[in-house]
């Protein structure tokens, strides 16, 4: 017989709470999601892609195709395992998972708007033309659509399955609460007193705690009969740590505030921890004195567990956010690793933490950071570990596959490792036989690759001295935190490399400046003339010998063109030779120059080109000799021989 639907989905789940949860998840791992009831009302919505909202669903022709996708999904919801997936005509993937509460279909959890392979942009350009979209804006929207692998999709659907279970459990609990309230209301209308058939613990007691009434359900809880409890003290059945607290709650009741409510822990005989919600009411005489107390309790263990799970998830999300914020505030590698350690130990067991760097050229693993039972170790003496053969080694397996491992039995896994070493209490690597037998050692671990651009750069090991210490949830959270330190550490390394490059460049420039200064002083004081020209042939430097040869003051030379100091008939030759000088890198030539007083000075030039640190032209370096007398002597000698 088909169940009658008395409620709407929004009556059974906390819409605001799930909207907040979707928004928080979207900040960590962006994906579109929505909860929609059977009437088509969108109850929650997060991160819908522009390509759908601004283009496909905004175009009537495309919208018809979108509705076909919606109808296909709705028609096949009965086949969901755990979801119905459908590739729309535009190439995007949509998924829907039915929300079933107590066997009744109340709504659907929709997600999707992603690709399973890199989109062919040419196809979408054709679609832009076909439907009249702004091509640039449309292609930009397409590029923003995430591309998932099959594994990501499967992992995601597994996560969604769990989320739907939480939604369904939450709805089922509220449904049961609604039904319970309805039952209680019906019973209250029929009876003036509490019914013994209600799933409640009921007791009355005097101001001194003497029990006057107890129902069977409460008596069963303490493994006694109701009549055996009459006359005993109510407070004696509470946990020692709770007695004074409950007494204080009850003593605060008054005519103005006769009712109080509190949660209380109860430990059953088998050691199981249960949580009860107690409502205590005081009854007063004409003088305003309490004469009787009524205690009504309800088991809220399931709600407490959900609250604790929610609190744990909120703590994890908070830590992820806080870690990201802290990691972005430093470029110091050790501080980055210490921050990671401080955050990870807040949410899971972490007696030991090891971070290593993998060199793909040498195939070696080098320790970068280590914490052993809370003590930070000096890793400078840790030996490097080679990459082991295929199928061997814990770290090596993670490096080869790029996939994290949750190792519940570390000693067993270690047997398949060729190279390992042990750390003493002093933080030194020692042989295994030196370690005392009762020394705590690693029994389980999370081993996670550090990935940059899908390349394994190193490995993080989070270790515990307990077997089966970690859950798959721990692994996923640790992977998320490791991805953050991967980025932060890579940024820090790039920053350190930049500083090193800058320092090396500064040293090179300083050395060059020192050399140039040394040569400048050498040429400045040289008896041989020296000059330096820029790329256009203008004077940058001349020494005193140059000024003495040609009779000028320095201020009449610097920044002036070299051709201005040549005899007119040699200017054309200079214009021809100077570009060749810059091209060949050296020159050996003679020029006739004008002395300041007007007479001609014949000089010989020998020079080379000076380059900057990038190999570009910087300036010329030339020495010149006054060969006027030599040439005159040679001329006179020639004339003498001719006579």
Foldseek 3Di string as FASTA:
>chain_A
DDDDDPDALVLQFPLVVVLVVLALVCVQPNWWKFWAWPVGDTSHTDDDFCLVVVPQCVFPVSVVQVVVVVVVQVVCQVVPPQWDWDQTPVQWIKIKGFQAAPNDGTTIMITTQAHQDQDDLVVVLVVCVVRVHPSVVNSVSSVPGYHDHPVVVVVVVVVVVVVSVVSRVSSNVSVVVVVLVVVVVVVVVVDVDDDLPRQKWKWKAFLQQATQFTHQNVCVQQPHGGVVRHRPGNLVQADPVCSVVVNVQCVPAWPVRFKDKDKGWDQGPVRDIWIKIKIKGFDADPVRHTTMIMIMIHTCRVVVVVVVVVVLVVLLSVLLVVLLVQLVVDLDLVSNVVSLVVSLVVNFPFQKKWKWFADPVQQKIATDWIHHRNRTADRPQPDIDHQDPPPADDQNVCQVVVDKDKFQAVVVNCVRHDDDFDADPNRHTDHPVVDDPPDQDFGIWIKHFLDDPNHGGIIMIGTDSHGPRDDVVSNVSSNSSSPSSSVSNVSSVVVVVVVVVVVVVVVVVVVVVVVVVVVVVVQQPDLWWKWKAFLQQATDDIHPNNCVQQVDDPVVGHRHHPLVFADVVCSVVCVVVSVVCVVVFWDWAKTWTARPVGDIWIKIKTKGFDADPVRHTGMIIITIDGCPVVVVVVVVVVVVVVD
